[in-house]
PDB file of N, CA and C in Angstrom:
ATOM      1  N   UNK A   1     115.549  88.696  77.944  1.00  0.00           N
ATOM      2  CA  UNK A   1     114.572  88.181  78.907  1.00  0.00           C
ATOM      3  C   UNK A   1     114.946  88.642  80.328  1.00  0.00           C
ATOM      4  N   UNK A   2     116.244  88.535  80.645  1.00  0.00           N
ATOM      5  CA  UNK A   2     116.674  88.929  81.986  1.00  0.00           C
ATOM      6  C   UNK A   2     116.477  90.434  82.187  1.00  0.00           C
ATOM      7  N   UNK A   3     116.820  91.213  81.159  1.00  0.00           N
ATOM      8  CA  UNK A   3     116.669  92.669  81.260  1.00  0.00           C
ATOM      9  C   UNK A   3     115.196  93.027  81.468  1.00  0.00           C
ATOM     10  N   UNK A   4     114.311  92.301  80.802  1.00  0.00           N
ATOM     11  CA  UNK A   4     112.883  92.581  80.911  1.00  0.00           C
ATOM     12  C   UNK A   4     112.403  92.363  82.347  1.00  0.00           C
ATOM     13  N   UNK A   5     112.850  91.272  82.980  1.00  0.00           N
ATOM     14  CA  UNK A   5     112.415  90.985  84.350  1.00  0.00           C
ATOM     15  C   UNK A   5     112.939  92.052  85.308  1.00  0.00           C
ATOM     16  N   UNK A   6     114.174  92.492  85.080  1.00  0.00           N
ATOM     17  CA  UNK A   6     114.745  93.536  85.946  1.00  0.00           C
ATOM     18  C   UNK A   6     113.957  94.827  85.779  1.00  0.00           C
ATOM     19  N   UNK A   7     113.604  95.139  84.543  1.00  0.00           N
ATOM     20  CA  UNK A   7     112.840  96.356  84.274  1.00  0.00           C
ATOM     21  C   UNK A   7     111.473  96.277  84.952  1.00  0.00           C
ATOM     22  N   UNK A   8     110.859  95.105  84.890  1.00  0.00           N
ATOM     23  CA  UNK A   8     109.541  94.920  85.494  1.00  0.00           C
ATOM     24  C   UNK A   8     109.631  95.109  87.009  1.00  0.00           C
ATOM     25  N   UNK A   9     110.681  94.543  87.602  1.00  0.00           N
ATOM     26  CA  UNK A   9     110.853  94.665  89.051  1.00  0.00           C
ATOM     27  C   UNK A   9     111.068  96.122  89.443  1.00  0.00           C
ATOM     28  N   UNK A  10     111.855  96.846  88.643  1.00  0.00           N
ATOM     29  CA  UNK A  10     112.104  98.263  88.916  1.00  0.00           C
ATOM     30  C   UNK A  10     110.797  99.045  88.845  1.00  0.00           C
ATOM     31  N   UNK A  11     109.964  98.712  87.842  1.00  0.00           N
ATOM     32  CA  UNK A  11     108.688  99.398  87.685  1.00  0.00           C
ATOM     33  C   UNK A  11     107.792  99.117  88.889  1.00  0.00           C
ATOM     34  N   UNK A  12     107.827  97.869  89.379  1.00  0.00           N
ATOM     35  CA  UNK A  12     106.995  97.514  90.531  1.00  0.00           C
ATOM     36  C   UNK A  12     107.417  98.297  91.763  1.00  0.00           C
ATOM     37  N   UNK A  13     108.727  98.356  92.017  1.00  0.00           N
ATOM     38  CA  UNK A  13     109.219  99.074  93.193  1.00  0.00           C
ATOM     39  C   UNK A  13     108.875 100.557  93.084  1.00  0.00           C
ATOM     40  N   UNK A  14     108.972 101.102  91.878  1.00  0.00           N
ATOM     41  CA  UNK A  14     108.641 102.512  91.674  1.00  0.00           C
ATOM     42  C   UNK A  14     107.156 102.732  91.963  1.00  0.00           C
ATOM     43  N   UNK A  15     106.305 101.821  91.507  1.00  0.00           N
ATOM     44  CA  UNK A  15     104.870 101.940  91.729  1.00  0.00           C
ATOM     45  C   UNK A  15     104.568 101.863  93.227  1.00  0.00           C
ATOM     46  N   UNK A  16     105.293 100.998  93.936  1.00  0.00           N
ATOM     47  CA  UNK A  16     105.079 100.854  95.374  1.00  0.00           C
ATOM     48  C   UNK A  16     105.447 102.149  96.090  1.00  0.00           C
ATOM     49  N   UNK A  17     106.548 102.779  95.673  1.00  0.00           N
ATOM     50  CA  UNK A  17     106.960 104.041  96.298  1.00  0.00           C
ATOM     51  C   UNK A  17     105.884 105.099  96.102  1.00  0.00           C
ATOM     52  N   UNK A  18     105.327 105.173  94.891  1.00  0.00           N
ATOM     53  CA  UNK A  18     104.282 106.156  94.609  1.00  0.00           C
ATOM     54  C   UNK A  18     103.062 105.863  95.471  1.00  0.00           C
ATOM     55  N   UNK A  19     102.734 104.585  95.647  1.00  0.00           N
ATOM     56  CA  UNK A  19     101.586 104.205  96.467  1.00  0.00           C
ATOM     57  C   UNK A  19     101.793 104.618  97.920  1.00  0.00           C
ATOM     58  N   UNK A  20     103.011 104.376  98.435  1.00  0.00           N
ATOM     59  CA  UNK A  20     103.313 104.758  99.815  1.00  0.00           C
ATOM     60  C   UNK A  20     103.222 106.271  99.977  1.00  0.00           C
ATOM     61  N   UNK A  21     103.768 107.018  99.015  1.00  0.00           N
ATOM     62  CA  UNK A  21     103.737 108.473  99.079  1.00  0.00           C
ATOM     63  C   UNK A  21     102.289 108.968  99.073  1.00  0.00           C
ATOM     64  N   UNK A  22     101.447 108.367  98.231  1.00  0.00           N
ATOM     65  CA  UNK A  22     100.041 108.763  98.145  1.00  0.00           C
ATOM     66  C   UNK A  22      99.332 108.481  99.463  1.00  0.00           C
ATOM     67  N   UNK A  23      99.674 107.330 100.081  1.00  0.00           N
ATOM     68  CA  UNK A  23      99.054 106.967 101.356  1.00  0.00           C
ATOM     69  C   UNK A  23      99.395 108.005 102.426  1.00  0.00           C
ATOM     70  N   UNK A  24     100.684 108.374 102.525  1.00  0.00           N
ATOM     71  CA  UNK A  24     101.096 109.361 103.528  1.00  0.00           C
ATOM     72  C   UNK A  24     100.475 110.729 103.239  1.00  0.00           C
ATOM     73  N   UNK A  25     100.381 111.068 101.943  1.00  0.00           N
ATOM     74  CA  UNK A  25      99.796 112.352 101.565  1.00  0.00           C
ATOM     75  C   UNK A  25      98.345 112.427 102.029  1.00  0.00           C
ATOM     76  N   UNK A  26      97.578 111.344 101.808  1.00  0.00           N
ATOM     77  CA  UNK A  26      96.177 111.330 102.241  1.00  0.00           C
ATOM     78  C   UNK A  26      96.096 111.388 103.758  1.00  0.00           C
ATOM     79  N   UNK A  27      97.006 110.671 104.430  1.00  0.00           N
ATOM     80  CA  UNK A  27      96.999 110.633 105.892  1.00  0.00           C
ATOM     81  C   UNK A  27      97.207 112.031 106.470  1.00  0.00           C
ATOM     82  N   UNK A  28      98.203 112.748 105.941  1.00  0.00           N
ATOM     83  CA  UNK A  28      98.496 114.093 106.446  1.00  0.00           C
ATOM     84  C   UNK A  28      97.375 115.070 106.100  1.00  0.00           C
ATOM     85  N   UNK A  29      96.804 114.937 104.901  1.00  0.00           N
ATOM     86  CA  UNK A  29      95.726 115.852 104.508  1.00  0.00           C
ATOM     87  C   UNK A  29      94.514 115.641 105.413  1.00  0.00           C
ATOM     88  N   UNK A  30      94.271 114.394 105.828  1.00  0.00           N
ATOM     89  CA  UNK A  30      93.160 114.122 106.739  1.00  0.00           C
ATOM     90  C   UNK A  30      93.449 114.725 108.108  1.00  0.00           C
ATOM     91  N   UNK A  31      94.712 114.644 108.539  1.00  0.00           N
ATOM     92  CA  UNK A  31      95.081 115.194 109.854  1.00  0.00           C
ATOM     93  C   UNK A  31      94.924 116.707 109.862  1.00  0.00           C
ATOM     94  N   UNK A  32      95.283 117.354 108.756  1.00  0.00           N
ATOM     95  CA  UNK A  32      95.183 118.815 108.682  1.00  0.00           C
ATOM     96  C   UNK A  32      93.714 119.235 108.773  1.00  0.00           C
ATOM     97  N   UNK A  33      92.864 118.523 108.065  1.00  0.00           N
ATOM     98  CA  UNK A  33      91.431 118.842 108.113  1.00  0.00           C
ATOM     99  C   UNK A  33      90.857 118.435 109.467  1.00  0.00           C
TER     100      UNK A  33
END
């Protein structure tokens, strides 16, 4: 049970990083255009 919660938290943080990266990518692509 404890391992599952840790895994879930790791997955959430990873998803957040991808979201932040996508946000910056869109921001820069808009600036270039």
